[in-house]
Amino acid sequence: MAWLETVVCSSRKKVDARFLRILNSHQELKRRQDGCIAAWAARSVDGQPLFLVQSLYVSRKNLQEITKLVSEKMDSEYGSLESFMAGPPLVGIFEVDEKEFLKQFQK
C-alpha cells in the first residue's frame, strides 16, 4: 500500500502566482527522490487562490524523509510555505492501493 498526502490550502492576496511556482518547485524536488511515486499541485479553476497539492509515496518512511528533505532545502531558499498561506492548510494522509490509484490516471 502506498501513502497519499493531500493538502488543500489558500494563499494570501497577490502572492498566488508565486505560491503556485514554489509549490511546483517543491513537487518537482519530491518527484526526483526515490520513494516518491508522483507529486503534483493545481490551482482552483474558479479563480480563487485555492490549491490542491498531492504526493504519492511508497511508504510512510519515504513520506517522512522526503518531506523533511524538501522542507530543509526549499525553506532556506524561499521561506516556509506557511508565510504565503492565508490560513492553516487542510492536510490528510491516506493509505491507497498504488496500482488501483494510478490506474485511474490511465483511462
PDB file of N, CA and C in Angstrom:
ATOM      1  N   MET A   1       0.841  -1.190   0.000  1.00  0.00           N
ATOM      2  CA  MET A   1       0.000   0.000   0.000  1.00  0.00           C
ATOM      3  C   MET A   1       0.885   1.253   0.000  1.00  0.00           C
ATOM      4  N   ALA A   2       0.489   2.229  -0.783  1.00  0.00           N
ATOM      5  CA  ALA A   2       1.198   3.499  -0.871  1.00  0.00           C
ATOM      6  C   ALA A   2       0.541   4.522   0.061  1.00  0.00           C
ATOM      7  N   TRP A   3       1.248   5.609   0.302  1.00  0.00           N
ATOM      8  CA  TRP A   3       0.752   6.682   1.164  1.00  0.00           C
ATOM      9  C   TRP A   3       0.503   7.925   0.317  1.00  0.00           C
ATOM     10  N   LEU A   4      -0.724   8.423   0.370  1.00  0.00           N
ATOM     11  CA  LEU A   4      -1.121   9.611  -0.376  1.00  0.00           C
ATOM     12  C   LEU A   4      -1.280  10.777   0.591  1.00  0.00           C
ATOM     13  N   GLU A   5      -0.516  11.824   0.348  1.00  0.00           N
ATOM     14  CA  GLU A   5      -0.629  13.051   1.143  1.00  0.00           C
ATOM     15  C   GLU A   5      -1.432  14.058   0.324  1.00  0.00           C
ATOM     16  N   THR A   6      -2.485  14.592   0.913  1.00  0.00           N
ATOM     17  CA  THR A   6      -3.338  15.568   0.242  1.00  0.00           C
ATOM     18  C   THR A   6      -3.399  16.835   1.093  1.00  0.00           C
ATOM     19  N   VAL A   7      -3.107  17.961   0.458  1.00  0.00           N
ATOM     20  CA  VAL A   7      -3.133  19.255   1.145  1.00  0.00           C
ATOM     21  C   VAL A   7      -4.018  20.199   0.344  1.00  0.00           C
ATOM     22  N   VAL A   8      -4.945  20.849   1.021  1.00  0.00           N
ATOM     23  CA  VAL A   8      -5.755  21.906   0.423  1.00  0.00           C
ATOM     24  C   VAL A   8      -5.429  23.178   1.194  1.00  0.00           C
ATOM     25  N   CYS A   9      -5.023  24.216   0.458  1.00  0.00           N
ATOM     26  CA  CYS A   9      -4.626  25.452   1.126  1.00  0.00           C
ATOM     27  C   CYS A   9      -4.971  26.652   0.252  1.00  0.00           C
ATOM     28  N   SER A  10      -4.943  27.818   0.851  1.00  0.00           N
ATOM     29  CA  SER A  10      -5.185  29.053   0.101  1.00  0.00           C
ATOM     30  C   SER A  10      -4.044  30.021   0.369  1.00  0.00           C
ATOM     31  N   SER A  11      -3.772  30.856  -0.622  1.00  0.00           N
ATOM     32  CA  SER A  11      -2.678  31.814  -0.471  1.00  0.00           C
ATOM     33  C   SER A  11      -3.217  33.183  -0.074  1.00  0.00           C
ATOM     34  N   ARG A  12      -2.309  33.976   0.458  1.00  0.00           N
ATOM     35  CA  ARG A  12      -2.659  35.363   0.745  1.00  0.00           C
ATOM     36  C   ARG A  12      -2.868  36.105  -0.571  1.00  0.00           C
ATOM     37  N   LYS A  13      -3.488  37.255  -0.514  1.00  0.00           N
ATOM     38  CA  LYS A  13      -3.735  38.057  -1.710  1.00  0.00           C
ATOM     39  C   LYS A  13      -2.420  38.453  -2.375  1.00  0.00           C
ATOM     40  N   LYS A  14      -2.447  38.458  -3.702  1.00  0.00           N
ATOM     41  CA  LYS A  14      -1.362  38.946  -4.550  1.00  0.00           C
ATOM     42  C   LYS A  14      -0.081  38.117  -4.519  1.00  0.00           C
ATOM     43  N   VAL A  15      -0.109  36.935  -3.899  1.00  0.00           N
ATOM     44  CA  VAL A  15       1.080  36.066  -3.937  1.00  0.00           C
ATOM     45  C   VAL A  15       0.737  34.705  -4.539  1.00  0.00           C
ATOM     46  N   ASP A  16      -0.469  34.570  -5.090  1.00  0.00           N
ATOM     47  CA  ASP A  16      -0.919  33.260  -5.565  1.00  0.00           C
ATOM     48  C   ASP A  16      -0.077  32.709  -6.718  1.00  0.00           C
ATOM     49  N   ALA A  17       0.339  33.537  -7.661  1.00  0.00           N
ATOM     50  CA  ALA A  17       1.164  33.044  -8.778  1.00  0.00           C
ATOM     51  C   ALA A  17       2.529  32.571  -8.268  1.00  0.00           C
ATOM     52  N   ARG A  18       3.114  33.340  -7.388  1.00  0.00           N
ATOM     53  CA  ARG A  18       4.422  32.945  -6.816  1.00  0.00           C
ATOM     54  C   ARG A  18       4.267  31.689  -5.966  1.00  0.00           C
ATOM     55  N   PHE A  19       3.189  31.628  -5.204  1.00  0.00           N
ATOM     56  CA  PHE A  19       2.929  30.463  -4.360  1.00  0.00           C
ATOM     57  C   PHE A  19       2.833  29.195  -5.209  1.00  0.00           C
ATOM     58  N   LEU A  20       2.118  29.261  -6.332  1.00  0.00           N
ATOM     59  CA  LEU A  20       1.996  28.088  -7.204  1.00  0.00           C
ATOM     60  C   LEU A  20       3.359  27.694  -7.776  1.00  0.00           C
ATOM     61  N   ARG A  21       4.174  28.664  -8.167  1.00  0.00           N
ATOM     62  CA  ARG A  21       5.521  28.340  -8.669  1.00  0.00           C
ATOM     63  C   ARG A  21       6.344  27.631  -7.601  1.00  0.00           C
ATOM     64  N   ILE A  22       6.249  28.092  -6.366  1.00  0.00           N
ATOM     65  CA  ILE A  22       7.002  27.472  -5.273  1.00  0.00           C
ATOM     66  C   ILE A  22       6.452  26.080  -4.970  1.00  0.00           C
ATOM     67  N   LEU A  23       5.125  25.934  -4.968  1.00  0.00           N
ATOM     68  CA  LEU A  23       4.533  24.602  -4.777  1.00  0.00           C
ATOM     69  C   LEU A  23       5.030  23.635  -5.850  1.00  0.00           C
ATOM     70  N   ASN A  24       5.055  24.089  -7.096  1.00  0.00           N
ATOM     71  CA  ASN A  24       5.535  23.241  -8.178  1.00  0.00           C
ATOM     72  C   ASN A  24       7.010  22.887  -8.011  1.00  0.00           C
ATOM     73  N   SER A  25       7.801  23.795  -7.494  1.00  0.00           N
ATOM     74  CA  SER A  25       9.216  23.505  -7.212  1.00  0.00           C
ATOM     75  C   SER A  25       9.340  22.435  -6.132  1.00  0.00           C
ATOM     76  N   HIS A  26       8.526  22.550  -5.108  1.00  0.00           N
ATOM     77  CA  HIS A  26       8.507  21.539  -4.044  1.00  0.00           C
ATOM     78  C   HIS A  26       8.162  20.170  -4.625  1.00  0.00           C
ATOM     79  N   GLN A  27       7.122  20.145  -5.457  1.00  0.00           N
ATOM     80  CA  GLN A  27       6.667  18.878  -6.014  1.00  0.00           C
ATOM     81  C   GLN A  27       7.709  18.275  -6.967  1.00  0.00           C
ATOM     82  N   GLU A  28       8.393  19.108  -7.716  1.00  0.00           N
ATOM     83  CA  GLU A  28       9.446  18.621  -8.615  1.00  0.00           C
ATOM     84  C   GLU A  28      10.584  17.981  -7.820  1.00  0.00           C
ATOM     85  N   LEU A  29      10.985  18.612  -6.731  1.00  0.00           N
ATOM     86  CA  LEU A  29      12.040  18.038  -5.885  1.00  0.00           C
ATOM     87  C   LEU A  29      11.583  16.704  -5.295  1.00  0.00           C
ATOM     88  N   LYS A  30      10.334  16.626  -4.875  1.00  0.00           N
ATOM     89  CA  LYS A  30       9.801  15.361  -4.355  1.00  0.00           C
ATOM     90  C   LYS A  30       9.865  14.273  -5.415  1.00  0.00           C
ATOM     91  N   ARG A  31       9.428  14.601  -6.634  1.00  0.00           N
ATOM     92  CA  ARG A  31       9.397  13.604  -7.718  1.00  0.00           C
ATOM     93  C   ARG A  31      10.776  13.038  -8.013  1.00  0.00           C
ATOM     94  N   ARG A  32      11.820  13.800  -7.785  1.00  0.00           N
ATOM     95  CA  ARG A  32      13.183  13.336  -8.068  1.00  0.00           C
ATOM     96  C   ARG A  32      13.753  12.425  -6.986  1.00  0.00           C
ATOM     97  N   GLN A  33      13.025  12.237  -5.893  1.00  0.00           N
ATOM     98  CA  GLN A  33      13.519  11.419  -4.788  1.00  0.00           C
ATOM     99  C   GLN A  33      13.027   9.981  -4.924  1.00  0.00           C
ATOM    100  N   ASP A  34      13.922   9.042  -4.610  1.00  0.00           N
ATOM    101  CA  ASP A  34      13.496   7.642  -4.521  1.00  0.00           C
ATOM    102  C   ASP A  34      12.453   7.541  -3.422  1.00  0.00           C
ATOM    103  N   GLY A  35      11.379   6.848  -3.689  1.00  0.00           N
ATOM    104  CA  GLY A  35      10.314   6.696  -2.703  1.00  0.00           C
ATOM    105  C   GLY A  35       9.110   7.570  -2.971  1.00  0.00           C
ATOM    106  N   CYS A  36       9.247   8.522  -3.890  1.00  0.00           N
ATOM    107  CA  CYS A  36       8.100   9.337  -4.302  1.00  0.00           C
ATOM    108  C   CYS A  36       7.623   8.804  -5.653  1.00  0.00           C
ATOM    109  N   ILE A  37       6.400   8.354  -5.701  1.00  0.00           N
ATOM    110  CA  ILE A  37       5.836   7.784  -6.925  1.00  0.00           C
ATOM    111  C   ILE A  37       5.348   8.888  -7.857  1.00  0.00           C
ATOM    112  N   ALA A  38       4.702   9.901  -7.299  1.00  0.00           N
ATOM    113  CA  ALA A  38       4.168  11.013  -8.082  1.00  0.00           C
ATOM    114  C   ALA A  38       3.901  12.189  -7.153  1.00  0.00           C
ATOM    115  N   ALA A  39       3.918  13.392  -7.721  1.00  0.00           N
ATOM    116  CA  ALA A  39       3.632  14.596  -6.936  1.00  0.00           C
ATOM    117  C   ALA A  39       3.174  15.690  -7.893  1.00  0.00           C
ATOM    118  N   TRP A  40       2.148  16.440  -7.492  1.00  0.00           N
ATOM    119  CA  TRP A  40       1.613  17.490  -8.345  1.00  0.00           C
ATOM    120  C   TRP A  40       0.934  18.547  -7.501  1.00  0.00           C
ATOM    121  N   ALA A  41       0.715  19.707  -8.117  1.00  0.00           N
ATOM    122  CA  ALA A  41      -0.007  20.805  -7.466  1.00  0.00           C
ATOM    123  C   ALA A  41      -0.919  21.425  -8.519  1.00  0.00           C
ATOM    124  N   ALA A  42      -2.064  21.933  -8.091  1.00  0.00           N
ATOM    125  CA  ALA A  42      -3.011  22.553  -9.017  1.00  0.00           C
ATOM    126  C   ALA A  42      -3.749  23.687  -8.326  1.00  0.00           C
ATOM    127  N   ARG A  43      -4.111  24.665  -9.117  1.00  0.00           N
ATOM    128  CA  ARG A  43      -4.889  25.796  -8.628  1.00  0.00           C
ATOM    129  C   ARG A  43      -6.362  25.579  -8.963  1.00  0.00           C
ATOM    130  N   SER A  44      -7.226  26.101  -8.137  1.00  0.00           N
ATOM    131  CA  SER A  44      -8.667  26.031  -8.366  1.00  0.00           C
ATOM    132  C   SER A  44      -9.031  26.686  -9.697  1.00  0.00           C
ATOM    133  N   VAL A  45      -9.989  26.096 -10.394  1.00  0.00           N
ATOM    134  CA  VAL A  45     -10.384  26.624 -11.701  1.00  0.00           C
ATOM    135  C   VAL A  45     -11.317  27.842 -11.605  1.00  0.00           C
ATOM    136  N   ASP A  46     -11.800  28.159 -10.415  1.00  0.00           N
ATOM    137  CA  ASP A  46     -12.747  29.274 -10.286  1.00  0.00           C
ATOM    138  C   ASP A  46     -12.073  30.617 -10.008  1.00  0.00           C
ATOM    139  N   GLY A  47     -10.738  30.656 -10.118  1.00  0.00           N
ATOM    140  CA  GLY A  47     -10.033  31.919  -9.927  1.00  0.00           C
ATOM    141  C   GLY A  47      -9.684  32.239  -8.482  1.00  0.00           C
ATOM    142  N   GLN A  48     -10.163  31.449  -7.566  1.00  0.00           N
ATOM    143  CA  GLN A  48      -9.839  31.666  -6.160  1.00  0.00           C
ATOM    144  C   GLN A  48      -8.397  31.212  -5.886  1.00  0.00           C
ATOM    145  N   PRO A  49      -7.733  31.794  -4.913  1.00  0.00           N
ATOM    146  CA  PRO A  49      -6.366  31.376  -4.592  1.00  0.00           C
ATOM    147  C   PRO A  49      -6.364  30.093  -3.729  1.00  0.00           C
ATOM    148  N   LEU A  50      -7.005  29.046  -4.235  1.00  0.00           N
ATOM    149  CA  LEU A  50      -7.156  27.772  -3.543  1.00  0.00           C
ATOM    150  C   LEU A  50      -6.339  26.728  -4.302  1.00  0.00           C
ATOM    151  N   PHE A  51      -5.576  25.917  -3.565  1.00  0.00           N
ATOM    152  CA  PHE A  51      -4.649  24.985  -4.185  1.00  0.00           C
ATOM    153  C   PHE A  51      -4.815  23.584  -3.624  1.00  0.00           C
ATOM    154  N   LEU A  52      -4.631  22.604  -4.518  1.00  0.00           N
ATOM    155  CA  LEU A  52      -4.599  21.192  -4.140  1.00  0.00           C
ATOM    156  C   LEU A  52      -3.184  20.703  -4.408  1.00  0.00           C
ATOM    157  N   VAL A  53      -2.582  20.082  -3.406  1.00  0.00           N
ATOM    158  CA  VAL A  53      -1.216  19.567  -3.516  1.00  0.00           C
ATOM    159  C   VAL A  53      -1.257  18.110  -3.084  1.00  0.00           C
ATOM    160  N   GLN A  54      -0.824  17.207  -3.969  1.00  0.00           N
ATOM    161  CA  GLN A  54      -0.853  15.788  -3.625  1.00  0.00           C
ATOM    162  C   GLN A  54       0.484  15.139  -3.959  1.00  0.00           C
ATOM    163  N   SER A  55       0.868  14.195  -3.109  1.00  0.00           N
ATOM    164  CA  SER A  55       2.095  13.426  -3.291  1.00  0.00           C
ATOM    165  C   SER A  55       1.799  11.982  -2.937  1.00  0.00           C
ATOM    166  N   LEU A  56       2.323  11.069  -3.739  1.00  0.00           N
ATOM    167  CA  LEU A  56       2.142   9.645  -3.520  1.00  0.00           C
ATOM    168  C   LEU A  56       3.498   9.025  -3.235  1.00  0.00           C
ATOM    169  N   TYR A  57       3.601   8.367  -2.080  1.00  0.00           N
ATOM    170  CA  TYR A  57       4.867   7.802  -1.614  1.00  0.00           C
ATOM    171  C   TYR A  57       4.769   6.290  -1.487  1.00  0.00           C
ATOM    172  N   VAL A  58       5.904   5.636  -1.589  1.00  0.00           N
ATOM    173  CA  VAL A  58       5.975   4.188  -1.440  1.00  0.00           C
ATOM    174  C   VAL A  58       5.589   3.765  -0.025  1.00  0.00           C
ATOM    175  N   SER A  59       6.041   4.531   0.976  1.00  0.00           N
ATOM    176  CA  SER A  59       5.804   4.158   2.371  1.00  0.00           C
ATOM    177  C   SER A  59       5.736   5.390   3.263  1.00  0.00           C
ATOM    178  N   ARG A  60       5.341   5.163   4.487  1.00  0.00           N
ATOM    179  CA  ARG A  60       5.306   6.242   5.483  1.00  0.00           C
ATOM    180  C   ARG A  60       6.705   6.801   5.712  1.00  0.00           C
ATOM    181  N   LYS A  61       7.682   5.910   5.769  1.00  0.00           N
ATOM    182  CA  LYS A  61       9.069   6.332   5.974  1.00  0.00           C
ATOM    183  C   LYS A  61       9.517   7.260   4.852  1.00  0.00           C
ATOM    184  N   ASN A  62       9.192   6.920   3.604  1.00  0.00           N
ATOM    185  CA  ASN A  62       9.538   7.785   2.472  1.00  0.00           C
ATOM    186  C   ASN A  62       8.853   9.137   2.591  1.00  0.00           C
ATOM    187  N   LEU A  63       7.589   9.150   2.978  1.00  0.00           N
ATOM    188  CA  LEU A  63       6.864  10.402   3.166  1.00  0.00           C
ATOM    189  C   LEU A  63       7.594  11.290   4.168  1.00  0.00           C
ATOM    190  N   GLN A  64       7.964  10.722   5.295  1.00  0.00           N
ATOM    191  CA  GLN A  64       8.637  11.498   6.342  1.00  0.00           C
ATOM    192  C   GLN A  64      10.000  12.008   5.888  1.00  0.00           C
ATOM    193  N   GLU A  65      10.788  11.134   5.276  1.00  0.00           N
ATOM    194  CA  GLU A  65      12.136  11.520   4.853  1.00  0.00           C
ATOM    195  C   GLU A  65      12.108  12.581   3.758  1.00  0.00           C
ATOM    196  N   ILE A  66      11.254  12.385   2.780  1.00  0.00           N
ATOM    197  CA  ILE A  66      11.191  13.335   1.662  1.00  0.00           C
ATOM    198  C   ILE A  66      10.620  14.670   2.111  1.00  0.00           C
ATOM    199  N   THR A  67       9.605  14.645   2.953  1.00  0.00           N
ATOM    200  CA  THR A  67       9.034  15.887   3.478  1.00  0.00           C
ATOM    201  C   THR A  67      10.088  16.682   4.233  1.00  0.00           C
ATOM    202  N   LYS A  68      10.880  16.009   5.044  1.00  0.00           N
ATOM    203  CA  LYS A  68      11.941  16.686   5.801  1.00  0.00           C
ATOM    204  C   LYS A  68      12.988  17.269   4.859  1.00  0.00           C
ATOM    205  N   LEU A  69      13.423  16.498   3.878  1.00  0.00           N
ATOM    206  CA  LEU A  69      14.425  16.960   2.927  1.00  0.00           C
ATOM    207  C   LEU A  69      13.940  18.184   2.161  1.00  0.00           C
ATOM    208  N   VAL A  70      12.721  18.118   1.638  1.00  0.00           N
ATOM    209  CA  VAL A  70      12.171  19.222   0.848  1.00  0.00           C
ATOM    210  C   VAL A  70      12.018  20.467   1.709  1.00  0.00           C
ATOM    211  N   SER A  71      11.542  20.290   2.915  1.00  0.00           N
ATOM    212  CA  SER A  71      11.371  21.434   3.816  1.00  0.00           C
ATOM    213  C   SER A  71      12.714  22.103   4.115  1.00  0.00           C
ATOM    214  N   GLU A  72      13.713  21.307   4.435  1.00  0.00           N
ATOM    215  CA  GLU A  72      15.035  21.864   4.750  1.00  0.00           C
ATOM    216  C   GLU A  72      15.639  22.580   3.548  1.00  0.00           C
ATOM    217  N   LYS A  73      15.535  21.978   2.390  1.00  0.00           N
ATOM    218  CA  LYS A  73      16.154  22.539   1.191  1.00  0.00           C
ATOM    219  C   LYS A  73      15.393  23.755   0.661  1.00  0.00           C
ATOM    220  N   MET A  74      14.083  23.648   0.562  1.00  0.00           N
ATOM    221  CA  MET A  74      13.298  24.705  -0.060  1.00  0.00           C
ATOM    222  C   MET A  74      13.019  25.886   0.880  1.00  0.00           C
ATOM    223  N   ASP A  75      12.824  25.618   2.168  1.00  0.00           N
ATOM    224  CA  ASP A  75      12.548  26.713   3.106  1.00  0.00           C
ATOM    225  C   ASP A  75      13.725  27.678   3.189  1.00  0.00           C
ATOM    226  N   SER A  76      14.940  27.155   3.087  1.00  0.00           N
ATOM    227  CA  SER A  76      16.103  28.037   3.158  1.00  0.00           C
ATOM    228  C   SER A  76      16.186  28.928   1.914  1.00  0.00           C
ATOM    229  N   GLU A  77      15.614  28.468   0.804  1.00  0.00           N
ATOM    230  CA  GLU A  77      15.658  29.230  -0.437  1.00  0.00           C
ATOM    231  C   GLU A  77      14.494  30.206  -0.577  1.00  0.00           C
ATOM    232  N   TYR A  78      13.272  29.750  -0.262  1.00  0.00           N
ATOM    233  CA  TYR A  78      12.064  30.558  -0.488  1.00  0.00           C
ATOM    234  C   TYR A  78      11.361  31.021   0.786  1.00  0.00           C
ATOM    235  N   GLY A  79      11.742  30.487   1.921  1.00  0.00           N
ATOM    236  CA  GLY A  79      10.990  30.720   3.148  1.00  0.00           C
ATOM    237  C   GLY A  79       9.941  29.634   3.291  1.00  0.00           C
ATOM    238  N   SER A  80       9.298  29.563   4.417  1.00  0.00           N
ATOM    239  CA  SER A  80       8.320  28.499   4.649  1.00  0.00           C
ATOM    240  C   SER A  80       7.062  28.739   3.827  1.00  0.00           C
ATOM    241  N   LEU A  81       6.403  27.656   3.437  1.00  0.00           N
ATOM    242  CA  LEU A  81       5.161  27.774   2.685  1.00  0.00           C
ATOM    243  C   LEU A  81       4.095  28.507   3.484  1.00  0.00           C
ATOM    244  N   GLU A  82       4.118  28.340   4.795  1.00  0.00           N
ATOM    245  CA  GLU A  82       3.120  28.975   5.650  1.00  0.00           C
ATOM    246  C   GLU A  82       3.115  30.496   5.505  1.00  0.00           C
ATOM    247  N   SER A  83       4.275  31.074   5.150  1.00  0.00           N
ATOM    248  CA  SER A  83       4.343  32.532   5.013  1.00  0.00           C
ATOM    249  C   SER A  83       3.522  33.035   3.821  1.00  0.00           C
ATOM    250  N   PHE A  84       3.158  32.150   2.888  1.00  0.00           N
ATOM    251  CA  PHE A  84       2.346  32.513   1.730  1.00  0.00           C
ATOM    252  C   PHE A  84       0.860  32.223   1.944  1.00  0.00           C
ATOM    253  N   MET A  85       0.536  31.452   2.966  1.00  0.00           N
ATOM    254  CA  MET A  85      -0.829  30.966   3.156  1.00  0.00           C
ATOM    255  C   MET A  85      -1.727  31.960   3.892  1.00  0.00           C
ATOM    256  N   ALA A  86      -3.002  31.947   3.492  1.00  0.00           N
ATOM    257  CA  ALA A  86      -3.991  32.809   4.125  1.00  0.00           C
ATOM    258  C   ALA A  86      -4.470  32.234   5.459  1.00  0.00           C
ATOM    259  N   GLY A  87      -4.262  30.967   5.665  1.00  0.00           N
ATOM    260  CA  GLY A  87      -4.689  30.304   6.890  1.00  0.00           C
ATOM    261  C   GLY A  87      -4.090  28.915   6.935  1.00  0.00           C
ATOM    262  N   PRO A  88      -4.456  28.148   7.936  1.00  0.00           N
ATOM    263  CA  PRO A  88      -3.881  26.805   8.051  1.00  0.00           C
ATOM    264  C   PRO A  88      -4.388  25.887   6.935  1.00  0.00           C
ATOM    265  N   PRO A  89      -3.527  25.016   6.443  1.00  0.00           N
ATOM    266  CA  PRO A  89      -3.946  24.090   5.402  1.00  0.00           C
ATOM    267  C   PRO A  89      -4.754  22.934   5.980  1.00  0.00           C
ATOM    268  N   LEU A  90      -5.523  22.299   5.121  1.00  0.00           N
ATOM    269  CA  LEU A  90      -6.211  21.064   5.472  1.00  0.00           C
ATOM    270  C   LEU A  90      -5.347  19.937   4.923  1.00  0.00           C
ATOM    271  N   VAL A  91      -4.865  19.053   5.797  1.00  0.00           N
ATOM    272  CA  VAL A  91      -3.930  18.002   5.404  1.00  0.00           C
ATOM    273  C   VAL A  91      -4.531  16.647   5.744  1.00  0.00           C
ATOM    274  N   GLY A  92      -4.422  15.724   4.793  1.00  0.00           N
ATOM    275  CA  GLY A  92      -4.867  14.355   5.029  1.00  0.00           C
ATOM    276  C   GLY A  92      -3.830  13.390   4.486  1.00  0.00           C
ATOM    277  N   ILE A  93      -3.635  12.288   5.198  1.00  0.00           N
ATOM    278  CA  ILE A  93      -2.745  11.223   4.761  1.00  0.00           C
ATOM    279  C   ILE A  93      -3.594   9.968   4.636  1.00  0.00           C
ATOM    280  N   PHE A  94      -3.508   9.319   3.471  1.00  0.00           N
ATOM    281  CA  PHE A  94      -4.350   8.170   3.187  1.00  0.00           C
ATOM    282  C   PHE A  94      -3.495   7.012   2.692  1.00  0.00           C
ATOM    283  N   GLU A  95      -3.891   5.815   3.054  1.00  0.00           N
ATOM    284  CA  GLU A  95      -3.228   4.633   2.535  1.00  0.00           C
ATOM    285  C   GLU A  95      -4.048   4.150   1.341  1.00  0.00           C
ATOM    286  N   VAL A  96      -3.391   4.011   0.187  1.00  0.00           N
ATOM    287  CA  VAL A  96      -4.098   3.634  -1.039  1.00  0.00           C
ATOM    288  C   VAL A  96      -3.370   2.492  -1.734  1.00  0.00           C
ATOM    289  N   ASP A  97      -4.124   1.740  -2.508  1.00  0.00           N
ATOM    290  CA  ASP A  97      -3.534   0.704  -3.349  1.00  0.00           C
ATOM    291  C   ASP A  97      -2.915   1.429  -4.544  1.00  0.00           C
ATOM    292  N   GLU A  98      -1.612   1.418  -4.617  1.00  0.00           N
ATOM    293  CA  GLU A  98      -0.883   2.173  -5.638  1.00  0.00           C
ATOM    294  C   GLU A  98      -1.328   1.819  -7.058  1.00  0.00           C
ATOM    295  N   LYS A  99      -1.455   0.549  -7.357  1.00  0.00           N
ATOM    296  CA  LYS A  99      -1.816   0.130  -8.708  1.00  0.00           C
ATOM    297  C   LYS A  99      -3.219   0.596  -9.075  1.00  0.00           C
ATOM    298  N   GLU A 100      -4.170   0.442  -8.146  1.00  0.00           N
ATOM    299  CA  GLU A 100      -5.534   0.887  -8.413  1.00  0.00           C
ATOM    300  C   GLU A 100      -5.608   2.413  -8.536  1.00  0.00           C
ATOM    301  N   PHE A 101      -4.871   3.098  -7.704  1.00  0.00           N
ATOM    302  CA  PHE A 101      -4.860   4.558  -7.727  1.00  0.00           C
ATOM    303  C   PHE A 101      -4.315   5.064  -9.057  1.00  0.00           C
ATOM    304  N   LEU A 102      -3.163   4.568  -9.478  1.00  0.00           N
ATOM    305  CA  LEU A 102      -2.549   5.020 -10.726  1.00  0.00           C
ATOM    306  C   LEU A 102      -3.333   4.590 -11.955  1.00  0.00           C
ATOM    307  N   LYS A 103      -4.056   3.480 -11.853  1.00  0.00           N
ATOM    308  CA  LYS A 103      -4.874   3.012 -12.965  1.00  0.00           C
ATOM    309  C   LYS A 103      -5.921   4.071 -13.334  1.00  0.00           C
ATOM    310  N   GLN A 104      -6.379   4.842 -12.378  1.00  0.00           N
ATOM    311  CA  GLN A 104      -7.395   5.869 -12.618  1.00  0.00           C
ATOM    312  C   GLN A 104      -6.889   6.938 -13.576  1.00  0.00           C
ATOM    313  N   PHE A 105      -5.571   7.153 -13.614  1.00  0.00           N
ATOM    314  CA  PHE A 105      -4.990   8.194 -14.479  1.00  0.00           C
ATOM    315  C   PHE A 105      -4.718   7.670 -15.884  1.00  0.00           C
ATOM    316  N   GLN A 106      -4.829   6.376 -16.080  1.00  0.00           N
ATOM    317  CA  GLN A 106      -4.525   5.776 -17.380  1.00  0.00           C
ATOM    318  C   GLN A 106      -5.751   5.613 -18.251  1.00  0.00           C
ATOM    319  N   LYS A 107      -6.908   5.975 -17.771  1.00  0.00           N
ATOM    320  CA  LYS A 107      -8.156   5.811 -18.535  1.00  0.00           C
ATOM    321  C   LYS A 107      -8.314   6.876 -19.573  1.00  0.00           C
TER     322      LYS A 107
END
